[in-house]
Amino acid sequence: MTSPSADVVLYSRTTCPLCDEARDIVARVCREAGVEWVETVIDDSPQLIATFGDYVPVVEVAGVQQGFWHINEPRLVRAIAELRP
């Protein structure tokens, strides 16, 4: 299992059109905020598949789930803004 190394983590699957859309949103929002993000593909991890299953894409900010399936961009922006002191 990959250990996420950034505050923003996108969990995805390789054959997931919603994941492509989420990746674009997360990449843009993080770029604009100057925040690094990582993507973890769950396909080869039984533990992550058990955790997220068919709910991907899932976005977490600082370990807190911010959304799944369709990512709410304003919510993601707010969560990332709260990372800053």
N, C-alpha and C. Protein backbone atom coordinates (compact mmCIF):
# COMPACT_ATOMS: atom_id res chain seq x y z
N MET A 1 0.84 -1.18 0.00
CA MET A 1 0.00 0.00 0.00
C MET A 1 0.88 1.24 0.00
N THR A 2 0.52 2.21 -0.80
CA THR A 2 1.25 3.46 -0.88
C THR A 2 0.92 4.31 0.34
N SER A 3 1.95 4.90 0.91
CA SER A 3 1.74 5.82 2.03
C SER A 3 1.68 7.23 1.47
N PRO A 4 0.51 7.86 1.53
CA PRO A 4 0.38 9.20 0.97
C PRO A 4 1.38 10.16 1.61
N SER A 5 2.05 10.95 0.77
CA SER A 5 3.08 11.86 1.27
C SER A 5 2.68 13.33 1.12
N ALA A 6 1.44 13.58 0.77
CA ALA A 6 0.98 14.95 0.58
C ALA A 6 -0.31 15.16 1.36
N ASP A 7 -0.66 16.42 1.57
CA ASP A 7 -1.90 16.73 2.29
C ASP A 7 -3.15 16.38 1.49
N VAL A 8 -3.03 16.40 0.16
CA VAL A 8 -4.17 16.09 -0.70
C VAL A 8 -3.89 14.77 -1.42
N VAL A 9 -4.83 13.83 -1.27
CA VAL A 9 -4.67 12.51 -1.87
C VAL A 9 -5.91 12.19 -2.68
N LEU A 10 -5.69 11.76 -3.90
CA LEU A 10 -6.76 11.27 -4.77
C LEU A 10 -6.61 9.77 -4.88
N TYR A 11 -7.61 9.02 -4.45
CA TYR A 11 -7.64 7.57 -4.62
C TYR A 11 -8.45 7.28 -5.88
N SER A 12 -7.88 6.46 -6.77
CA SER A 12 -8.52 6.23 -8.06
C SER A 12 -8.33 4.79 -8.52
N ARG A 13 -8.94 4.49 -9.67
CA ARG A 13 -8.76 3.21 -10.35
C ARG A 13 -8.39 3.52 -11.79
N THR A 14 -7.75 2.56 -12.46
CA THR A 14 -7.26 2.82 -13.81
C THR A 14 -8.37 2.91 -14.84
N THR A 15 -9.46 2.21 -14.66
CA THR A 15 -10.55 2.24 -15.64
C THR A 15 -11.75 2.97 -15.06
N CYS A 16 -11.56 4.24 -14.79
CA CYS A 16 -12.58 5.02 -14.10
C CYS A 16 -12.69 6.40 -14.72
N PRO A 17 -13.70 6.63 -15.56
CA PRO A 17 -13.86 7.96 -16.17
C PRO A 17 -14.06 9.07 -15.14
N LEU A 18 -14.74 8.79 -14.05
CA LEU A 18 -14.91 9.81 -13.01
C LEU A 18 -13.57 10.19 -12.39
N CYS A 19 -12.64 9.23 -12.37
CA CYS A 19 -11.31 9.50 -11.81
C CYS A 19 -10.56 10.48 -12.69
N ASP A 20 -10.75 10.38 -14.01
CA ASP A 20 -10.10 11.33 -14.93
C ASP A 20 -10.60 12.74 -14.65
N GLU A 21 -11.90 12.88 -14.47
CA GLU A 21 -12.49 14.19 -14.17
C GLU A 21 -11.97 14.72 -12.83
N ALA A 22 -11.94 13.84 -11.82
CA ALA A 22 -11.47 14.25 -10.49
C ALA A 22 -10.01 14.66 -10.53
N ARG A 23 -9.20 13.92 -11.29
CA ARG A 23 -7.77 14.23 -11.40
C ARG A 23 -7.58 15.65 -11.95
N ASP A 24 -8.35 16.00 -12.95
CA ASP A 24 -8.25 17.34 -13.53
C ASP A 24 -8.60 18.42 -12.49
N ILE A 25 -9.66 18.18 -11.74
CA ILE A 25 -10.09 19.15 -10.71
C ILE A 25 -9.04 19.28 -9.62
N VAL A 26 -8.58 18.13 -9.09
CA VAL A 26 -7.60 18.16 -8.00
C VAL A 26 -6.30 18.82 -8.47
N ALA A 27 -5.85 18.47 -9.66
CA ALA A 27 -4.60 19.05 -10.17
C ALA A 27 -4.71 20.56 -10.29
N ARG A 28 -5.80 21.03 -10.84
CA ARG A 28 -5.99 22.48 -11.05
C ARG A 28 -6.10 23.21 -9.71
N VAL A 29 -6.94 22.70 -8.81
CA VAL A 29 -7.15 23.37 -7.52
C VAL A 29 -5.84 23.38 -6.71
N CYS A 30 -5.12 22.29 -6.72
CA CYS A 30 -3.86 22.23 -5.96
C CYS A 30 -2.80 23.14 -6.59
N ARG A 31 -2.75 23.18 -7.91
CA ARG A 31 -1.80 24.06 -8.59
C ARG A 31 -2.09 25.51 -8.23
N GLU A 32 -3.36 25.90 -8.28
CA GLU A 32 -3.73 27.29 -7.97
C GLU A 32 -3.45 27.63 -6.50
N ALA A 33 -3.55 26.64 -5.62
CA ALA A 33 -3.31 26.88 -4.19
C ALA A 33 -1.85 26.69 -3.81
N GLY A 34 -1.04 26.17 -4.74
CA GLY A 34 0.36 25.93 -4.42
C GLY A 34 0.56 24.76 -3.47
N VAL A 35 -0.31 23.77 -3.58
CA VAL A 35 -0.28 22.61 -2.69
C VAL A 35 0.04 21.37 -3.52
N GLU A 36 0.91 20.52 -2.98
CA GLU A 36 1.22 19.27 -3.66
C GLU A 36 0.14 18.24 -3.38
N TRP A 37 -0.04 17.33 -4.33
CA TRP A 37 -1.01 16.27 -4.16
C TRP A 37 -0.43 14.98 -4.73
N VAL A 38 -0.99 13.87 -4.31
CA VAL A 38 -0.58 12.57 -4.84
C VAL A 38 -1.82 11.80 -5.25
N GLU A 39 -1.61 10.91 -6.20
CA GLU A 39 -2.69 10.01 -6.62
C GLU A 39 -2.28 8.60 -6.26
N THR A 40 -3.18 7.87 -5.64
CA THR A 40 -2.95 6.48 -5.30
C THR A 40 -3.97 5.63 -6.03
N VAL A 41 -3.48 4.78 -6.92
CA VAL A 41 -4.34 3.87 -7.67
C VAL A 41 -4.56 2.64 -6.78
N ILE A 42 -5.81 2.32 -6.51
CA ILE A 42 -6.13 1.27 -5.54
C ILE A 42 -6.20 -0.13 -6.15
N ASP A 43 -6.09 -0.25 -7.46
CA ASP A 43 -6.32 -1.52 -8.16
C ASP A 43 -5.56 -2.71 -7.60
N ASP A 44 -4.33 -2.52 -7.16
CA ASP A 44 -3.51 -3.65 -6.71
C ASP A 44 -3.44 -3.80 -5.20
N SER A 45 -4.31 -3.11 -4.49
CA SER A 45 -4.29 -3.17 -3.03
C SER A 45 -5.61 -3.68 -2.50
N PRO A 46 -5.65 -4.95 -2.06
CA PRO A 46 -6.89 -5.47 -1.49
C PRO A 46 -7.40 -4.62 -0.33
N GLN A 47 -6.49 -4.07 0.46
CA GLN A 47 -6.88 -3.24 1.60
C GLN A 47 -7.59 -1.96 1.13
N LEU A 48 -7.01 -1.29 0.13
CA LEU A 48 -7.63 -0.06 -0.37
C LEU A 48 -8.92 -0.36 -1.12
N ILE A 49 -8.97 -1.47 -1.84
CA ILE A 49 -10.22 -1.84 -2.52
C ILE A 49 -11.31 -2.10 -1.49
N ALA A 50 -10.95 -2.74 -0.37
CA ALA A 50 -11.93 -2.99 0.69
C ALA A 50 -12.39 -1.68 1.31
N THR A 51 -11.49 -0.72 1.41
CA THR A 51 -11.83 0.57 2.02
C THR A 51 -12.67 1.43 1.09
N PHE A 52 -12.27 1.54 -0.18
CA PHE A 52 -12.91 2.49 -1.09
C PHE A 52 -13.84 1.84 -2.11
N GLY A 53 -13.58 0.57 -2.46
CA GLY A 53 -14.43 -0.16 -3.38
C GLY A 53 -14.84 0.62 -4.60
N ASP A 54 -16.14 0.73 -4.81
CA ASP A 54 -16.68 1.42 -5.97
C ASP A 54 -16.93 2.90 -5.71
N TYR A 55 -16.42 3.43 -4.61
CA TYR A 55 -16.63 4.84 -4.28
C TYR A 55 -15.61 5.76 -4.92
N VAL A 56 -14.63 5.22 -5.62
CA VAL A 56 -13.62 6.07 -6.25
C VAL A 56 -14.22 6.88 -7.38
N PRO A 57 -13.70 8.03 -7.64
CA PRO A 57 -12.57 8.66 -6.97
C PRO A 57 -12.95 9.19 -5.59
N VAL A 58 -11.97 9.14 -4.70
CA VAL A 58 -12.12 9.68 -3.36
C VAL A 58 -11.01 10.70 -3.16
N VAL A 59 -11.34 11.85 -2.62
CA VAL A 59 -10.34 12.87 -2.33
C VAL A 59 -10.30 13.10 -0.83
N GLU A 60 -9.07 13.07 -0.28
CA GLU A 60 -8.86 13.38 1.12
C GLU A 60 -7.94 14.59 1.23
N VAL A 61 -8.23 15.44 2.19
CA VAL A 61 -7.36 16.57 2.52
C VAL A 61 -6.99 16.42 3.99
N ALA A 62 -5.71 16.31 4.25
CA ALA A 62 -5.19 16.12 5.62
C ALA A 62 -5.87 14.93 6.29
N GLY A 63 -6.09 13.87 5.51
CA GLY A 63 -6.66 12.64 6.05
C GLY A 63 -8.16 12.63 6.20
N VAL A 64 -8.83 13.71 5.82
CA VAL A 64 -10.29 13.80 5.94
C VAL A 64 -10.92 13.72 4.56
N GLN A 65 -11.82 12.77 4.40
CA GLN A 65 -12.48 12.61 3.10
C GLN A 65 -13.31 13.83 2.77
N GLN A 66 -13.08 14.38 1.58
CA GLN A 66 -13.78 15.57 1.12
C GLN A 66 -14.82 15.27 0.06
N GLY A 67 -14.77 14.08 -0.48
CA GLY A 67 -15.76 13.74 -1.49
C GLY A 67 -15.42 12.44 -2.19
N PHE A 68 -16.43 11.93 -2.89
CA PHE A 68 -16.24 10.74 -3.71
C PHE A 68 -17.17 10.84 -4.91
N TRP A 69 -16.89 10.04 -5.91
CA TRP A 69 -17.58 10.03 -7.21
C TRP A 69 -17.42 11.37 -7.92
N HIS A 70 -18.25 12.34 -7.63
CA HIS A 70 -18.15 13.66 -8.25
C HIS A 70 -17.58 14.63 -7.22
N ILE A 71 -16.42 15.19 -7.52
CA ILE A 71 -15.73 16.03 -6.55
C ILE A 71 -16.33 17.44 -6.55
N ASN A 72 -16.67 17.91 -5.36
CA ASN A 72 -17.23 19.24 -5.19
C ASN A 72 -16.06 20.22 -5.10
N GLU A 73 -15.82 20.95 -6.18
CA GLU A 73 -14.66 21.83 -6.24
C GLU A 73 -14.65 22.89 -5.15
N PRO A 74 -15.75 23.61 -4.90
CA PRO A 74 -15.72 24.61 -3.82
C PRO A 74 -15.37 24.00 -2.45
N ARG A 75 -15.86 22.82 -2.18
CA ARG A 75 -15.54 22.15 -0.91
C ARG A 75 -14.05 21.84 -0.85
N LEU A 76 -13.50 21.36 -1.96
CA LEU A 76 -12.07 21.05 -2.00
C LEU A 76 -11.24 22.32 -1.80
N VAL A 77 -11.63 23.40 -2.43
CA VAL A 77 -10.92 24.68 -2.27
C VAL A 77 -10.94 25.11 -0.81
N ARG A 78 -12.09 25.02 -0.16
CA ARG A 78 -12.19 25.42 1.26
C ARG A 78 -11.31 24.54 2.14
N ALA A 79 -11.34 23.23 1.90
CA ALA A 79 -10.55 22.31 2.72
C ALA A 79 -9.05 22.59 2.58
N ILE A 80 -8.62 22.87 1.36
CA ILE A 80 -7.20 23.17 1.13
C ILE A 80 -6.84 24.50 1.79
N ALA A 81 -7.73 25.47 1.72
CA ALA A 81 -7.46 26.78 2.35
C ALA A 81 -7.28 26.63 3.86
N GLU A 82 -7.97 25.67 4.46
CA GLU A 82 -7.86 25.45 5.91
C GLU A 82 -6.53 24.82 6.31
N LEU A 83 -5.76 24.33 5.34
CA LEU A 83 -4.45 23.76 5.64
C LEU A 83 -3.46 24.84 6.08
N ARG A 84 -3.72 26.05 5.65
CA ARG A 84 -2.79 27.15 5.93
C ARG A 84 -3.13 27.80 7.26
N PRO A 85 -2.08 28.08 8.05
CA PRO A 85 -2.32 28.70 9.37
C PRO A 85 -2.82 30.13 9.26
